[in-house]
PDB file of N, CA and C in Angstrom:
ATOM      1  N   GLN A   1     121.940  54.368 -11.104  1.00  0.00           N
ATOM      2  CA  GLN A   1     120.562  53.212 -10.928  1.00  0.00           C
ATOM      3  C   GLN A   1     119.464  53.726 -11.046  1.00  0.00           C
ATOM      4  N   VAL A   2     119.158  52.725 -11.653  1.00  0.00           N
ATOM      5  CA  VAL A   2     117.333  52.778 -12.154  1.00  0.00           C
ATOM      6  C   VAL A   2     116.417  52.893 -10.341  1.00  0.00           C
ATOM      7  N   GLN A   3     115.559  53.787 -10.914  1.00  0.00           N
ATOM      8  CA  GLN A   3     114.542  53.876  -9.835  1.00  0.00           C
ATOM      9  C   GLN A   3     112.875  53.603 -10.434  1.00  0.00           C
ATOM     10  N   VAL A   4     112.177  53.044 -10.156  1.00  0.00           N
ATOM     11  CA  VAL A   4     110.762  53.174 -10.513  1.00  0.00           C
ATOM     12  C   VAL A   4     109.492  53.264  -9.408  1.00  0.00           C
ATOM     13  N   VAL A   5     109.095  54.439  -9.144  1.00  0.00           N
ATOM     14  CA  VAL A   5     108.594  53.896  -7.916  1.00  0.00           C
ATOM     15  C   VAL A   5     106.555  54.777  -8.469  1.00  0.00           C
ATOM     16  N   GLU A   6     105.569  53.895  -7.628  1.00  0.00           N
ATOM     17  CA  GLU A   6     104.945  54.349  -8.521  1.00  0.00           C
ATOM     18  C   GLU A   6     103.915  55.025  -7.376  1.00  0.00           C
ATOM     19  N   SER A   7     103.015  55.537  -7.423  1.00  0.00           N
ATOM     20  CA  SER A   7     101.733  56.050  -6.556  1.00  0.00           C
ATOM     21  C   SER A   7     100.592  56.206  -7.267  1.00  0.00           C
ATOM     22  N   GLY A   8      99.604  56.789  -6.554  1.00  0.00           N
ATOM     23  CA  GLY A   8      97.825  57.034  -6.925  1.00  0.00           C
ATOM     24  C   GLY A   8      97.063  55.886  -6.416  1.00  0.00           C
ATOM     25  N   GLY A   9      97.306  54.641  -5.622  1.00  0.00           N
ATOM     26  CA  GLY A   9      96.784  53.687  -5.277  1.00  0.00           C
ATOM     27  C   GLY A   9      96.016  54.321  -4.614  1.00  0.00           C
ATOM     28  N   GLY A  10      94.849  52.861  -4.238  1.00  0.00           N
ATOM     29  CA  GLY A  10      94.013  53.694  -2.844  1.00  0.00           C
ATOM     30  C   GLY A  10      92.423  52.888  -2.945  1.00  0.00           C
ATOM     31  N   LEU A  11      91.789  53.344  -2.022  1.00  0.00           N
ATOM     32  CA  LEU A  11      90.262  52.735  -2.184  1.00  0.00           C
ATOM     33  C   LEU A  11      89.622  53.812  -2.743  1.00  0.00           C
ATOM     34  N   VAL A  12      88.834  52.883  -3.075  1.00  0.00           N
ATOM     35  CA  VAL A  12      87.682  53.732  -4.136  1.00  0.00           C
ATOM     36  C   VAL A  12      86.714  52.751  -4.378  1.00  0.00           C
ATOM     37  N   GLN A  13      85.515  53.324  -4.164  1.00  0.00           N
ATOM     38  CA  GLN A  13      83.922  53.226  -4.718  1.00  0.00           C
ATOM     39  C   GLN A  13      83.649  52.161  -6.003  1.00  0.00           C
ATOM     40  N   ALA A  14      82.985  51.416  -6.390  1.00  0.00           N
ATOM     41  CA  ALA A  14      82.692  50.722  -7.478  1.00  0.00           C
ATOM     42  C   ALA A  14      81.977  51.892  -8.664  1.00  0.00           C
ATOM     43  N   GLY A  15      82.403  52.146  -9.411  1.00  0.00           N
ATOM     44  CA  GLY A  15      82.365  53.365 -10.520  1.00  0.00           C
ATOM     45  C   GLY A  15      82.822  54.587 -10.574  1.00  0.00           C
ATOM     46  N   GLY A  16      84.230  54.554  -9.761  1.00  0.00           N
ATOM     47  CA  GLY A  16      84.889  55.576  -8.917  1.00  0.00           C
ATOM     48  C   GLY A  16      86.143  55.793 -10.244  1.00  0.00           C
ATOM     49  N   SER A  17      87.247  56.744  -9.997  1.00  0.00           N
ATOM     50  CA  SER A  17      88.235  56.942 -10.799  1.00  0.00           C
ATOM     51  C   SER A  17      89.170  56.730  -9.567  1.00  0.00           C
ATOM     52  N   LEU A  18      90.467  56.225 -10.292  1.00  0.00           N
ATOM     53  CA  LEU A  18      92.048  56.816  -9.958  1.00  0.00           C
ATOM     54  C   LEU A  18      93.103  57.140 -11.276  1.00  0.00           C
ATOM     55  N   ARG A  19      93.877  57.196 -10.786  1.00  0.00           N
ATOM     56  CA  ARG A  19      94.558  57.672 -11.392  1.00  0.00           C
ATOM     57  C   ARG A  19      96.184  57.101 -11.052  1.00  0.00           C
ATOM     58  N   LEU A  20      97.155  56.243 -11.352  1.00  0.00           N
ATOM     59  CA  LEU A  20      98.312  55.961 -11.278  1.00  0.00           C
ATOM     60  C   LEU A  20      99.221  56.754 -11.757  1.00  0.00           C
ATOM     61  N   SER A  21     100.225  56.817 -11.316  1.00  0.00           N
ATOM     62  CA  SER A  21     101.363  57.349 -11.621  1.00  0.00           C
ATOM     63  C   SER A  21     103.106  56.610 -11.511  1.00  0.00           C
ATOM     64  N   CYS A  22     103.710  56.485 -12.081  1.00  0.00           N
ATOM     65  CA  CYS A  22     105.140  55.886 -12.433  1.00  0.00           C
ATOM     66  C   CYS A  22     106.175  56.523 -12.813  1.00  0.00           C
ATOM     67  N   ALA A  23     107.394  56.943 -11.823  1.00  0.00           N
ATOM     68  CA  ALA A  23     107.993  57.823 -12.628  1.00  0.00           C
ATOM     69  C   ALA A  23     109.352  56.947 -12.491  1.00  0.00           C
ATOM     70  N   ALA A  24     110.124  57.102 -13.477  1.00  0.00           N
ATOM     71  CA  ALA A  24     111.502  56.577 -13.595  1.00  0.00           C
ATOM     72  C   ALA A  24     112.385  57.157 -13.368  1.00  0.00           C
ATOM     73  N   SER A  25     113.814  56.897 -12.912  1.00  0.00           N
ATOM     74  CA  SER A  25     114.716  58.049 -12.578  1.00  0.00           C
ATOM     75  C   SER A  25     115.941  56.865 -12.946  1.00  0.00           C
ATOM     76  N   GLY A  26     117.571  57.678 -13.495  1.00  0.00           N
ATOM     77  CA  GLY A  26     118.470  57.011 -13.039  1.00  0.00           C
ATOM     78  C   GLY A  26     118.732  56.560 -14.761  1.00  0.00           C
ATOM     79  N   ARG A  27     117.551  56.612 -15.910  1.00  0.00           N
ATOM     80  CA  ARG A  27     117.718  56.066 -17.043  1.00  0.00           C
ATOM     81  C   ARG A  27     116.681  57.055 -18.097  1.00  0.00           C
ATOM     82  N   THR A  28     117.195  57.311 -19.462  1.00  0.00           N
ATOM     83  CA  THR A  28     116.087  57.532 -20.516  1.00  0.00           C
ATOM     84  C   THR A  28     115.261  56.453 -20.681  1.00  0.00           C
ATOM     85  N   PHE A  29     113.934  56.453 -20.750  1.00  0.00           N
ATOM     86  CA  PHE A  29     113.198  55.111 -21.429  1.00  0.00           C
ATOM     87  C   PHE A  29     112.250  55.543 -22.843  1.00  0.00           C
ATOM     88  N   SER A  30     112.585  57.163 -22.935  1.00  0.00           N
ATOM     89  CA  SER A  30     111.585  57.342 -24.328  1.00  0.00           C
ATOM     90  C   SER A  30     111.583  56.189 -25.447  1.00  0.00           C
ATOM     91  N   ARG A  31     112.163  55.551 -25.727  1.00  0.00           N
ATOM     92  CA  ARG A  31     112.403  54.916 -26.718  1.00  0.00           C
ATOM     93  C   ARG A  31     111.947  53.344 -26.347  1.00  0.00           C
ATOM     94  N   TYR A  32     111.401  52.939 -25.442  1.00  0.00           N
ATOM     95  CA  TYR A  32     111.102  51.859 -24.553  1.00  0.00           C
ATOM     96  C   TYR A  32     109.961  51.967 -24.236  1.00  0.00           C
ATOM     97  N   ALA A  33     109.266  50.371 -23.808  1.00  0.00           N
ATOM     98  CA  ALA A  33     107.798  50.397 -23.765  1.00  0.00           C
ATOM     99  C   ALA A  33     107.696  50.884 -22.244  1.00  0.00           C
ATOM    100  N   MET A  34     106.618  51.186 -21.686  1.00  0.00           N
ATOM    101  CA  MET A  34     106.111  51.496 -20.392  1.00  0.00           C
ATOM    102  C   MET A  34     105.099  50.604 -20.003  1.00  0.00           C
ATOM    103  N   GLY A  35     104.911  49.900 -19.344  1.00  0.00           N
ATOM    104  CA  GLY A  35     103.548  49.338 -18.696  1.00  0.00           C
ATOM    105  C   GLY A  35     103.203  49.136 -17.344  1.00  0.00           C
ATOM    106  N   TRP A  36     101.965  48.568 -17.242  1.00  0.00           N
ATOM    107  CA  TRP A  36     101.155  48.605 -15.793  1.00  0.00           C
ATOM    108  C   TRP A  36     100.735  47.290 -16.144  1.00  0.00           C
ATOM    109  N   PHE A  37     100.787  46.277 -14.670  1.00  0.00           N
ATOM    110  CA  PHE A  37     100.571  45.463 -14.498  1.00  0.00           C
ATOM    111  C   PHE A  37      99.645  45.026 -13.335  1.00  0.00           C
ATOM    112  N   ARG A  38      98.758  43.914 -13.440  1.00  0.00           N
ATOM    113  CA  ARG A  38      98.082  44.077 -12.056  1.00  0.00           C
ATOM    114  C   ARG A  38      97.839  42.017 -11.414  1.00  0.00           C
ATOM    115  N   GLN A  39      97.857  42.051 -10.127  1.00  0.00           N
ATOM    116  CA  GLN A  39      98.245  40.831  -9.597  1.00  0.00           C
ATOM    117  C   GLN A  39      97.057  40.698  -8.387  1.00  0.00           C
ATOM    118  N   ALA A  40      96.214  39.962  -8.727  1.00  0.00           N
ATOM    119  CA  ALA A  40      95.319  40.125  -7.844  1.00  0.00           C
ATOM    120  C   ALA A  40      95.510  38.571  -7.069  1.00  0.00           C
ATOM    121  N   PRO A  41      94.971  38.832  -5.494  1.00  0.00           N
ATOM    122  CA  PRO A  41      95.371  37.310  -4.689  1.00  0.00           C
ATOM    123  C   PRO A  41      95.322  35.796  -5.279  1.00  0.00           C
ATOM    124  N   GLY A  42      95.797  35.175  -5.246  1.00  0.00           N
ATOM    125  CA  GLY A  42      95.936  33.496  -6.091  1.00  0.00           C
ATOM    126  C   GLY A  42      95.861  33.459  -7.577  1.00  0.00           C
ATOM    127  N   LYS A  43      96.112  34.704  -8.113  1.00  0.00           N
ATOM    128  CA  LYS A  43      96.023  35.102  -9.411  1.00  0.00           C
ATOM    129  C   LYS A  43      97.386  35.463  -9.957  1.00  0.00           C
ATOM    130  N   GLU A  44      97.664  34.964 -11.239  1.00  0.00           N
ATOM    131  CA  GLU A  44      98.898  35.603 -11.904  1.00  0.00           C
ATOM    132  C   GLU A  44      98.669  37.280 -12.364  1.00  0.00           C
ATOM    133  N   ARG A  45     100.209  37.864 -12.497  1.00  0.00           N
ATOM    134  CA  ARG A  45     100.396  38.735 -12.083  1.00  0.00           C
ATOM    135  C   ARG A  45     100.218  38.871 -14.510  1.00  0.00           C
ATOM    136  N   ASP A  46      99.364  39.910 -14.384  1.00  0.00           N
ATOM    137  CA  ASP A  46      99.053  40.376 -16.051  1.00  0.00           C
ATOM    138  C   ASP A  46      99.158  41.396 -16.560  1.00  0.00           C
ATOM    139  N   CYS A  47      99.378  41.545 -17.912  1.00  0.00           N
ATOM    140  CA  CYS A  47      99.034  43.070 -18.753  1.00  0.00           C
ATOM    141  C   CYS A  47      98.183  43.959 -18.178  1.00  0.00           C
ATOM    142  N   VAL A  48      98.184  45.177 -17.810  1.00  0.00           N
ATOM    143  CA  VAL A  48      97.032  45.389 -18.043  1.00  0.00           C
ATOM    144  C   VAL A  48      96.463  46.418 -19.317  1.00  0.00           C
ATOM    145  N   ALA A  49      97.947  47.554 -19.811  1.00  0.00           N
ATOM    146  CA  ALA A  49      98.220  48.482 -20.315  1.00  0.00           C
ATOM    147  C   ALA A  49      99.507  48.667 -20.779  1.00  0.00           C
ATOM    148  N   SER A  50     100.585  48.566 -21.975  1.00  0.00           N
ATOM    149  CA  SER A  50     101.330  49.121 -22.259  1.00  0.00           C
ATOM    150  C   SER A  50     101.124  50.241 -23.330  1.00  0.00           C
ATOM    151  N   ILE A  51     102.661  50.924 -23.260  1.00  0.00           N
ATOM    152  CA  ILE A  51     102.657  51.930 -24.459  1.00  0.00           C
ATOM    153  C   ILE A  51     104.168  51.719 -24.907  1.00  0.00           C
ATOM    154  N   THR A  52     104.040  52.024 -25.998  1.00  0.00           N
ATOM    155  CA  THR A  52     105.796  52.038 -26.535  1.00  0.00           C
ATOM    156  C   THR A  52     106.347  53.437 -26.601  1.00  0.00           C
ATOM    157  N   GLY A  53     107.673  53.409 -26.991  1.00  0.00           N
ATOM    158  CA  GLY A  53     108.108  54.158 -26.793  1.00  0.00           C
ATOM    159  C   GLY A  53     108.048  55.519 -28.386  1.00  0.00           C
ATOM    160  N   SER A  54     107.004  54.595 -29.377  1.00  0.00           N
ATOM    161  CA  SER A  54     106.648  55.758 -30.560  1.00  0.00           C
ATOM    162  C   SER A  54     104.997  55.668 -30.254  1.00  0.00           C
ATOM    163  N   GLY A  55     104.361  55.757 -28.836  1.00  0.00           N
ATOM    164  CA  GLY A  55     103.133  55.470 -28.602  1.00  0.00           C
ATOM    165  C   GLY A  55     101.623  54.649 -29.014  1.00  0.00           C
ATOM    166  N   GLY A  56     102.619  53.623 -29.779  1.00  0.00           N
ATOM    167  CA  GLY A  56     101.904  52.089 -29.426  1.00  0.00           C
ATOM    168  C   GLY A  56     100.916  52.144 -28.283  1.00  0.00           C
ATOM    169  N   ILE A  57      99.478  51.483 -28.452  1.00  0.00           N
ATOM    170  CA  ILE A  57      99.518  50.338 -27.246  1.00  0.00           C
ATOM    171  C   ILE A  57      98.376  49.873 -27.321  1.00  0.00           C
ATOM    172  N   TYR A  58      98.993  48.962 -25.794  1.00  0.00           N
ATOM    173  CA  TYR A  58      98.017  47.754 -25.761  1.00  0.00           C
ATOM    174  C   TYR A  58      97.527  47.666 -24.818  1.00  0.00           C
ATOM    175  N   TYR A  59      95.925  47.167 -24.357  1.00  0.00           N
ATOM    176  CA  TYR A  59      95.164  47.160 -23.466  1.00  0.00           C
ATOM    177  C   TYR A  59      94.705  45.521 -23.121  1.00  0.00           C
ATOM    178  N   ALA A  60      94.089  45.273 -21.994  1.00  0.00           N
ATOM    179  CA  ALA A  60      93.804  43.546 -21.776  1.00  0.00           C
ATOM    180  C   ALA A  60      92.372  44.298 -22.123  1.00  0.00           C
ATOM    181  N   ASP A  61      91.414  43.214 -22.784  1.00  0.00           N
ATOM    182  CA  ASP A  61      90.195  43.073 -23.475  1.00  0.00           C
ATOM    183  C   ASP A  61      89.539  43.762 -21.917  1.00  0.00           C
ATOM    184  N   SER A  62      89.743  43.234 -20.763  1.00  0.00           N
ATOM    185  CA  SER A  62      89.059  43.551 -19.365  1.00  0.00           C
ATOM    186  C   SER A  62      88.748  44.855 -19.246  1.00  0.00           C
ATOM    187  N   VAL A  63      89.547  45.672 -19.845  1.00  0.00           N
ATOM    188  CA  VAL A  63      89.747  46.925 -19.377  1.00  0.00           C
ATOM    189  C   VAL A  63      89.725  48.259 -20.362  1.00  0.00           C
ATOM    190  N   LYS A  64      89.550  47.647 -21.526  1.00  0.00           N
ATOM    191  CA  LYS A  64      89.557  48.308 -22.768  1.00  0.00           C
ATOM    192  C   LYS A  64      88.187  49.467 -22.517  1.00  0.00           C
ATOM    193  N   GLY A  65      87.981  50.314 -23.005  1.00  0.00           N
ATOM    194  CA  GLY A  65      87.301  51.996 -22.983  1.00  0.00           C
ATOM    195  C   GLY A  65      87.073  52.066 -21.448  1.00  0.00           C
ATOM    196  N   ARG A  66      87.758  51.805 -20.385  1.00  0.00           N
ATOM    197  CA  ARG A  66      87.946  52.090 -18.910  1.00  0.00           C
ATOM    198  C   ARG A  66      88.971  52.641 -18.411  1.00  0.00           C
ATOM    199  N   PHE A  67      90.406  52.170 -19.231  1.00  0.00           N
ATOM    200  CA  PHE A  67      91.051  52.645 -18.621  1.00  0.00           C
ATOM    201  C   PHE A  67      92.035  53.352 -19.837  1.00  0.00           C
ATOM    202  N   THR A  68      92.922  54.335 -19.104  1.00  0.00           N
ATOM    203  CA  THR A  68      93.834  54.951 -20.575  1.00  0.00           C
ATOM    204  C   THR A  68      95.160  55.167 -19.862  1.00  0.00           C
ATOM    205  N   ILE A  69      96.320  54.702 -20.673  1.00  0.00           N
ATOM    206  CA  ILE A  69      97.647  54.818 -21.112  1.00  0.00           C
ATOM    207  C   ILE A  69      97.727  56.051 -21.089  1.00  0.00           C
ATOM    208  N   SER A  70      99.399  56.687 -20.552  1.00  0.00           N
ATOM    209  CA  SER A  70      99.801  57.688 -21.314  1.00  0.00           C
ATOM    210  C   SER A  70     101.379  57.871 -20.430  1.00  0.00           C
ATOM    211  N   ARG A  71     101.976  58.510 -21.561  1.00  0.00           N
ATOM    212  CA  ARG A  71     102.990  58.871 -20.751  1.00  0.00           C
ATOM    213  C   ARG A  71     103.532  59.918 -21.101  1.00  0.00           C
ATOM    214  N   ASP A  72     104.612  60.551 -20.439  1.00  0.00           N
ATOM    215  CA  ASP A  72     105.520  62.021 -20.822  1.00  0.00           C
ATOM    216  C   ASP A  72     107.082  62.116 -20.862  1.00  0.00           C
ATOM    217  N   ASN A  73     107.461  61.510 -22.070  1.00  0.00           N
ATOM    218  CA  ASN A  73     108.650  61.434 -21.789  1.00  0.00           C
ATOM    219  C   ASN A  73     109.647  62.418 -21.175  1.00  0.00           C
ATOM    220  N   ALA A  74     109.381  63.437 -21.316  1.00  0.00           N
ATOM    221  CA  ALA A  74     110.324  64.582 -20.691  1.00  0.00           C
ATOM    222  C   ALA A  74     110.328  64.279 -19.195  1.00  0.00           C
ATOM    223  N   LYS A  75     109.232  63.696 -18.712  1.00  0.00           N
ATOM    224  CA  LYS A  75     109.411  63.624 -17.240  1.00  0.00           C
ATOM    225  C   LYS A  75     109.810  62.065 -16.910  1.00  0.00           C
ATOM    226  N   ASN A  76     110.019  61.340 -17.892  1.00  0.00           N
ATOM    227  CA  ASN A  76     109.893  59.729 -17.410  1.00  0.00           C
ATOM    228  C   ASN A  76     108.794  58.839 -16.776  1.00  0.00           C
ATOM    229  N   THR A  77     107.912  59.504 -17.576  1.00  0.00           N
ATOM    230  CA  THR A  77     106.381  59.351 -16.327  1.00  0.00           C
ATOM    231  C   THR A  77     105.325  58.153 -17.066  1.00  0.00           C
ATOM    232  N   VAL A  78     104.960  57.285 -16.951  1.00  0.00           N
ATOM    233  CA  VAL A  78     103.725  56.880 -17.652  1.00  0.00           C
ATOM    234  C   VAL A  78     102.518  56.792 -16.359  1.00  0.00           C
ATOM    235  N   TYR A  79     101.582  57.167 -17.428  1.00  0.00           N
ATOM    236  CA  TYR A  79     100.092  57.621 -15.999  1.00  0.00           C
ATOM    237  C   TYR A  79      99.592  56.259 -16.786  1.00  0.00           C
ATOM    238  N   LEU A  80      98.329  55.767 -15.364  1.00  0.00           N
ATOM    239  CA  LEU A  80      97.056  54.802 -15.616  1.00  0.00           C
ATOM    240  C   LEU A  80      95.721  56.088 -14.997  1.00  0.00           C
ATOM    241  N   GLN A  81      95.027  56.037 -16.036  1.00  0.00           N
ATOM    242  CA  GLN A  81      93.724  56.734 -15.547  1.00  0.00           C
ATOM    243  C   GLN A  81      92.815  55.254 -16.109  1.00  0.00           C
ATOM    244  N   MET A  82      92.031  55.758 -14.771  1.00  0.00           N
ATOM    245  CA  MET A  82      91.477  54.161 -14.402  1.00  0.00           C
ATOM    246  C   MET A  82      90.119  54.496 -14.039  1.00  0.00           C
ATOM    247  N   ASN A  83      89.192  54.641 -14.992  1.00  0.00           N
ATOM    248  CA  ASN A  83      87.404  54.863 -14.965  1.00  0.00           C
ATOM    249  C   ASN A  83      86.627  53.849 -14.746  1.00  0.00           C
ATOM    250  N   SER A  84      85.328  54.219 -13.916  1.00  0.00           N
ATOM    251  CA  SER A  84      84.234  53.117 -14.217  1.00  0.00           C
ATOM    252  C   SER A  84      84.944  52.109 -13.244  1.00  0.00           C
ATOM    253  N   LEU A  85      85.852  52.202 -12.155  1.00  0.00           N
ATOM    254  CA  LEU A  85      86.526  50.817 -11.598  1.00  0.00           C
ATOM    255  C   LEU A  85      85.482  49.551 -11.378  1.00  0.00           C
ATOM    256  N   LYS A  86      85.789  48.712 -11.235  1.00  0.00           N
ATOM    257  CA  LYS A  86      84.899  47.347 -10.759  1.00  0.00           C
ATOM    258  C   LYS A  86      85.792  47.046  -9.711  1.00  0.00           C
ATOM    259  N   PRO A  87      84.923  45.776  -9.058  1.00  0.00           N
ATOM    260  CA  PRO A  87      85.234  45.419  -7.906  1.00  0.00           C
ATOM    261  C   PRO A  87      86.528  44.028  -8.684  1.00  0.00           C
ATOM    262  N   GLU A  88      86.341  43.454  -9.301  1.00  0.00           N
ATOM    263  CA  GLU A  88      87.211  42.934  -9.901  1.00  0.00           C
ATOM    264  C   GLU A  88      88.384  43.413 -10.321  1.00  0.00           C
ATOM    265  N   ASP A  89      88.593  44.998 -10.293  1.00  0.00           N
ATOM    266  CA  ASP A  89      89.996  45.554 -10.992  1.00  0.00           C
ATOM    267  C   ASP A  89      90.980  45.598  -9.586  1.00  0.00           C
ATOM    268  N   THR A  90      90.010  45.058  -8.170  1.00  0.00           N
ATOM    269  CA  THR A  90      90.843  45.145  -7.099  1.00  0.00           C
ATOM    270  C   THR A  90      92.283  44.498  -7.334  1.00  0.00           C
ATOM    271  N   ALA A  91      93.453  44.433  -6.900  1.00  0.00           N
ATOM    272  CA  ALA A  91      94.989  44.378  -7.334  1.00  0.00           C
ATOM    273  C   ALA A  91      96.099  44.869  -6.628  1.00  0.00           C
ATOM    274  N   VAL A  92      97.153  44.696  -6.673  1.00  0.00           N
ATOM    275  CA  VAL A  92      98.411  45.424  -6.582  1.00  0.00           C
ATOM    276  C   VAL A  92      98.597  45.512  -7.998  1.00  0.00           C
ATOM    277  N   TYR A  93      98.960  46.714  -8.145  1.00  0.00           N
ATOM    278  CA  TYR A  93      99.187  47.410  -9.875  1.00  0.00           C
ATOM    279  C   TYR A  93     100.428  47.311  -9.863  1.00  0.00           C
ATOM    280  N   TYR A  94     101.437  47.118 -10.765  1.00  0.00           N
ATOM    281  CA  TYR A  94     102.855  47.444 -10.866  1.00  0.00           C
ATOM    282  C   TYR A  94     103.430  47.955 -12.083  1.00  0.00           C
ATOM    283  N   CYS A  95     104.346  48.808 -11.657  1.00  0.00           N
ATOM    284  CA  CYS A  95     104.532  49.461 -13.146  1.00  0.00           C
ATOM    285  C   CYS A  95     106.025  48.486 -13.586  1.00  0.00           C
ATOM    286  N   ALA A  96     106.270  48.605 -15.141  1.00  0.00           N
ATOM    287  CA  ALA A  96     107.897  48.107 -15.448  1.00  0.00           C
ATOM    288  C   ALA A  96     107.817  49.269 -16.714  1.00  0.00           C
ATOM    289  N   VAL A  97     108.836  49.212 -16.772  1.00  0.00           N
ATOM    290  CA  VAL A  97     109.636  49.710 -18.105  1.00  0.00           C
ATOM    291  C   VAL A  97     110.891  49.285 -18.472  1.00  0.00           C
ATOM    292  N   GLY A  98     111.181  49.691 -19.653  1.00  0.00           N
ATOM    293  CA  GLY A  98     112.431  49.272 -20.508  1.00  0.00           C
ATOM    294  C   GLY A  98     112.149  48.139 -21.252  1.00  0.00           C
ATOM    295  N   ALA A  99     111.133  47.623 -22.182  1.00  0.00           N
ATOM    296  CA  ALA A  99     110.976  46.839 -22.673  1.00  0.00           C
ATOM    297  C   ALA A  99     110.630  47.169 -24.312  1.00  0.00           C
ATOM    298  N   LEU A 100     111.088  46.306 -24.977  1.00  0.00           N
ATOM    299  CA  LEU A 100     111.184  46.376 -26.406  1.00  0.00           C
ATOM    300  C   LEU A 100     109.744  46.037 -26.934  1.00  0.00           C
ATOM    301  N   GLY A 101     109.485  46.663 -28.054  1.00  0.00           N
ATOM    302  CA  GLY A 101     108.190  46.260 -28.636  1.00  0.00           C
ATOM    303  C   GLY A 101     106.891  46.238 -27.827  1.00  0.00           C
ATOM    304  N   TYR A 102     106.255  46.024 -27.671  1.00  0.00           N
ATOM    305  CA  TYR A 102     104.625  46.383 -26.860  1.00  0.00           C
ATOM    306  C   TYR A 102     104.767  46.095 -25.294  1.00  0.00           C
ATOM    307  N   GLY A 103     105.869  44.933 -25.067  1.00  0.00           N
ATOM    308  CA  GLY A 103     105.638  44.928 -23.523  1.00  0.00           C
ATOM    309  C   GLY A 103     104.771  44.286 -22.791  1.00  0.00           C
ATOM    310  N   ARG A 104     103.874  43.128 -23.217  1.00  0.00           N
ATOM    311  CA  ARG A 104     103.164  42.928 -23.121  1.00  0.00           C
ATOM    312  C   ARG A 104     103.002  41.504 -21.702  1.00  0.00           C
ATOM    313  N   MET A 105     104.634  40.945 -21.788  1.00  0.00           N
ATOM    314  CA  MET A 105     105.370  40.273 -20.710  1.00  0.00           C
ATOM    315  C   MET A 105     105.526  40.718 -19.402  1.00  0.00           C
ATOM    316  N   TRP A 106     105.800  40.437 -18.529  1.00  0.00           N
ATOM    317  CA  TRP A 106     106.593  40.638 -17.401  1.00  0.00           C
ATOM    318  C   TRP A 106     108.173  41.062 -17.313  1.00  0.00           C
ATOM    319  N   SER A 107     108.119  39.404 -18.358  1.00  0.00           N
ATOM    320  CA  SER A 107     109.961  38.898 -18.609  1.00  0.00           C
ATOM    321  C   SER A 107     110.184  40.107 -19.568  1.00  0.00           C
ATOM    322  N   SER A 108     109.942  41.030 -20.114  1.00  0.00           N
ATOM    323  CA  SER A 108     109.527  41.406 -21.259  1.00  0.00           C
ATOM    324  C   SER A 108     110.641  42.954 -20.729  1.00  0.00           C
ATOM    325  N   TYR A 109     110.659  43.254 -19.859  1.00  0.00           N
ATOM    326  CA  TYR A 109     110.968  44.963 -18.531  1.00  0.00           C
ATOM    327  C   TYR A 109     112.119  43.988 -17.649  1.00  0.00           C
ATOM    328  N   ASP A 110     113.146  45.641 -18.084  1.00  0.00           N
ATOM    329  CA  ASP A 110     114.195  45.590 -17.093  1.00  0.00           C
ATOM    330  C   ASP A 110     114.499  45.960 -15.842  1.00  0.00           C
ATOM    331  N   PHE A 111     113.743  46.527 -15.662  1.00  0.00           N
ATOM    332  CA  PHE A 111     112.924  47.344 -14.591  1.00  0.00           C
ATOM    333  C   PHE A 111     111.797  47.310 -13.890  1.00  0.00           C
ATOM    334  N   TRP A 112     111.490  47.396 -12.481  1.00  0.00           N
ATOM    335  CA  TRP A 112     109.779  47.569 -12.188  1.00  0.00           C
ATOM    336  C   TRP A 112     109.850  47.916 -11.013  1.00  0.00           C
ATOM    337  N   GLY A 113     108.494  48.622 -10.582  1.00  0.00           N
ATOM    338  CA  GLY A 113     108.603  48.998  -9.178  1.00  0.00           C
ATOM    339  C   GLY A 113     107.630  48.313  -8.401  1.00  0.00           C
ATOM    340  N   GLN A 114     107.598  48.682  -7.053  1.00  0.00           N
ATOM    341  CA  GLN A 114     107.194  47.921  -6.057  1.00  0.00           C
ATOM    342  C   GLN A 114     105.880  47.538  -5.967  1.00  0.00           C
ATOM    343  N   GLY A 115     104.853  48.103  -6.504  1.00  0.00           N
ATOM    344  CA  GLY A 115     103.441  47.779  -6.515  1.00  0.00           C
ATOM    345  C   GLY A 115     102.842  48.965  -5.944  1.00  0.00           C
ATOM    346  N   THR A 116     101.517  48.916  -6.117  1.00  0.00           N
ATOM    347  CA  THR A 116     100.854  50.117  -5.352  1.00  0.00           C
ATOM    348  C   THR A 116      99.124  49.648  -5.511  1.00  0.00           C
ATOM    349  N   GLN A 117      98.641  49.231  -3.913  1.00  0.00           N
ATOM    350  CA  GLN A 117      97.202  48.864  -3.921  1.00  0.00           C
ATOM    351  C   GLN A 117      95.915  49.572  -4.584  1.00  0.00           C
ATOM    352  N   VAL A 118      95.361  48.648  -5.306  1.00  0.00           N
ATOM    353  CA  VAL A 118      94.024  49.583  -5.782  1.00  0.00           C
ATOM    354  C   VAL A 118      92.653  48.921  -5.309  1.00  0.00           C
ATOM    355  N   THR A 119      91.664  49.052  -4.039  1.00  0.00           N
ATOM    356  CA  THR A 119      91.064  48.270  -3.888  1.00  0.00           C
ATOM    357  C   THR A 119      89.597  49.244  -4.167  1.00  0.00           C
ATOM    358  N   VAL A 120      88.822  48.406  -4.630  1.00  0.00           N
ATOM    359  CA  VAL A 120      87.487  48.828  -5.274  1.00  0.00           C
ATOM    360  C   VAL A 120      86.483  47.984  -4.324  1.00  0.00           C
ATOM    361  N   SER A 121      85.542  48.959  -3.536  1.00  0.00           N
ATOM    362  CA  SER A 121      84.361  48.380  -3.035  1.00  0.00           C
ATOM    363  C   SER A 121      83.275  48.131  -4.104  1.00  0.00           C
ATOM    364  N   SER A 122      82.553  47.322  -3.245  1.00  0.00           N
ATOM    365  CA  SER A 122      80.925  46.668  -4.138  1.00  0.00           C
ATOM    366  C   SER A 122      79.940  47.916  -3.366  1.00  0.00           C
TER     367      SER A 122
END
């Protein structure tokens, strides 16, 4: 049975940093995309960043230059380093694993985590 568990969310002041981690178990995802999505209250769930099995990376325009996605295939884990955080980054962040291609769409993924809250105060 596949499990996807996020960690690392929390409360941070604007300009600060957080690192999210997502560990998948039950299957190997080294050949598949892993991604981070976020959803703020009243808004749609959007892709923040994704990374393919071969290392191709996608970033949403709103986070380019501030966020960095990486993965450790040996640990079946994907990370999201978030720097220069802004209040508009406040959202529940979800990890998703198991997509083909770049995995920019939530529906592309086979497995998802429960989400972790990130709150950025001004």
